[in-house]
Amino acid sequence: MALFETLDDSEKLLYNTQHAVKVSLNRGLDKAAEYLKGKLEQNSPDDKKTKSKKYKRQWKINRRYKNMRILYNAKMVNSPDGEIPLSNILEIQSPHMRKTFDDCADELADIILNEIEF
């Protein structure tokens, strides 16, 4: 006998509600991550010497973990100790990532909350 078959109606309702919230939360996180990725692409600095947009185009979303999205920039540069993320250097010189996040934090929260179904 499956676990779900042994639950009473109120337990089934709670289980189904919990599942719906998890699914809609992750949908909201996906939408918010895509929104933030777009904002980071807009606000990322260009390489003024080469007019390159390689850094701007390297924003990625890691969806590996449940209920969490990690945004990162995959552009790497050489250093004496090996390759390091270019974003580490640029954020020290010109904090565009923190500013972008702070500027749209309320919008990100709204995107997530608007997706959650109770």
Protein backbone atom coordinates (compact mmCIF):
# COMPACT_ATOMS: atom_id res chain seq x y z
CA MET A 1 0.00 0.00 0.00
CA ALA A 2 1.41 3.39 -0.99
CA LEU A 3 1.93 6.10 1.60
CA PHE A 4 -0.54 8.45 -0.09
CA GLU A 5 -3.31 5.84 0.19
CA THR A 6 -2.92 5.69 3.98
CA LEU A 7 -3.37 9.44 4.51
CA ASP A 8 -6.69 10.92 5.55
CA ASP A 9 -8.27 13.80 3.60
CA SER A 10 -6.70 16.60 5.64
CA GLU A 11 -3.23 15.05 5.30
CA LYS A 12 -3.75 14.67 1.54
CA LEU A 13 -4.79 18.32 1.34
CA LEU A 14 -1.67 19.40 3.23
CA TYR A 15 0.54 17.18 1.08
CA ASN A 16 -0.97 18.51 -2.16
CA THR A 17 -0.68 22.12 -0.94
CA GLN A 18 2.96 21.61 0.03
CA HIS A 19 3.71 20.11 -3.38
CA ALA A 20 1.93 22.95 -5.22
CA VAL A 21 3.88 25.57 -3.25
CA LYS A 22 7.21 23.86 -4.01
CA VAL A 23 6.46 23.63 -7.72
CA SER A 24 5.26 27.22 -7.99
CA LEU A 25 8.19 28.48 -5.85
CA ASN A 26 10.67 26.88 -8.23
CA ARG A 27 8.80 28.32 -11.21
CA GLY A 28 9.04 31.76 -9.56
CA LEU A 29 12.74 31.28 -8.86
CA ASP A 30 13.31 30.38 -12.52
CA LYS A 31 11.51 33.52 -13.69
CA ALA A 32 13.31 35.74 -11.17
CA ALA A 33 16.69 34.25 -12.13
CA GLU A 34 16.02 34.92 -15.83
CA TYR A 35 14.97 38.48 -15.00
CA LEU A 36 18.12 39.09 -12.92
CA LYS A 37 20.29 37.51 -15.63
CA GLY A 38 18.87 40.00 -18.15
CA LYS A 39 19.55 42.90 -15.80
CA LEU A 40 23.13 41.70 -15.20
CA GLU A 41 23.70 41.42 -18.94
CA GLN A 42 22.47 45.01 -19.38
CA ASN A 43 24.59 46.39 -16.53
CA SER A 44 27.80 44.45 -17.14
CA PRO A 45 30.72 46.55 -18.39
CA ASP A 46 31.96 46.22 -21.97
CA ASP A 47 35.60 45.75 -22.87
CA LYS A 48 36.27 49.30 -24.02
CA LYS A 49 39.46 48.39 -25.92
CA THR A 50 38.02 45.62 -28.09
CA LYS A 51 34.32 46.57 -27.88
CA SER A 52 33.81 42.96 -26.82
CA LYS A 53 30.63 41.78 -25.15
CA LYS A 54 32.07 38.39 -24.13
CA TYR A 55 31.68 39.12 -20.42
CA LYS A 56 28.05 40.25 -20.82
CA ARG A 57 27.15 37.07 -22.69
CA GLN A 58 28.61 34.69 -20.10
CA TRP A 59 25.94 34.96 -17.39
CA LYS A 60 24.64 31.51 -16.43
CA ILE A 61 22.01 30.13 -14.06
CA ASN A 62 22.77 27.06 -11.98
CA ARG A 63 19.58 25.12 -11.20
CA ARG A 64 21.32 22.17 -9.55
CA TYR A 65 19.91 22.75 -6.06
CA LYS A 66 16.27 22.60 -4.98
CA ASN A 67 14.60 25.89 -4.10
CA MET A 68 17.70 27.89 -5.07
CA ARG A 69 19.12 29.52 -8.19
CA ILE A 70 22.75 30.59 -8.47
CA LEU A 71 23.77 33.18 -11.06
CA TYR A 72 27.39 33.40 -12.10
CA ASN A 73 29.53 34.66 -14.92
CA ALA A 74 31.55 31.93 -16.64
CA LYS A 75 34.16 34.25 -18.20
CA MET A 76 37.58 33.32 -16.83
CA VAL A 77 40.92 35.17 -17.07
CA ASN A 78 44.47 34.06 -16.44
CA SER A 79 46.27 34.98 -13.24
CA PRO A 80 49.61 33.89 -11.76
CA ASP A 81 47.70 31.30 -9.70
CA GLY A 82 45.62 29.96 -12.60
CA GLU A 83 42.28 31.00 -14.03
CA ILE A 84 39.92 33.14 -11.96
CA PRO A 85 36.44 34.49 -12.71
CA LEU A 86 36.61 37.89 -14.39
CA SER A 87 33.57 38.91 -12.34
CA ASN A 88 35.72 38.79 -9.17
CA ILE A 89 38.04 41.44 -10.60
CA LEU A 90 35.35 43.63 -12.13
CA GLU A 91 33.17 43.64 -9.02
CA ILE A 92 36.07 45.10 -7.02
CA GLN A 93 36.73 47.81 -9.62
CA SER A 94 33.11 48.61 -10.43
CA PRO A 95 30.47 46.92 -8.25
CA HIS A 96 27.85 46.28 -10.93
CA MET A 97 26.57 42.94 -9.61
CA ARG A 98 25.64 44.11 -6.09
CA LYS A 99 24.13 47.34 -7.46
CA THR A 100 22.06 45.43 -10.02
CA PHE A 101 20.74 43.03 -7.39
CA ASP A 102 19.97 45.82 -4.92
CA ASP A 103 18.19 47.86 -7.60
CA CYS A 104 15.82 45.03 -8.55
CA ALA A 105 15.47 43.10 -5.26
CA ASP A 106 11.84 44.19 -4.79
CA GLU A 107 10.98 43.21 -8.36
CA LEU A 108 12.59 39.79 -7.84
CA ALA A 109 10.54 39.23 -4.69
CA ASP A 110 7.35 40.22 -6.53
CA ILE A 111 8.13 37.84 -9.40
CA ILE A 112 8.60 34.93 -6.98
CA LEU A 113 5.59 35.74 -4.80
CA ASN A 114 3.30 36.20 -7.80
CA GLU A 115 4.09 32.64 -8.92
CA ILE A 116 3.43 30.92 -5.59
CA GLU A 117 0.07 29.17 -5.49
CA PHE A 118 -1.57 28.38 -2.16
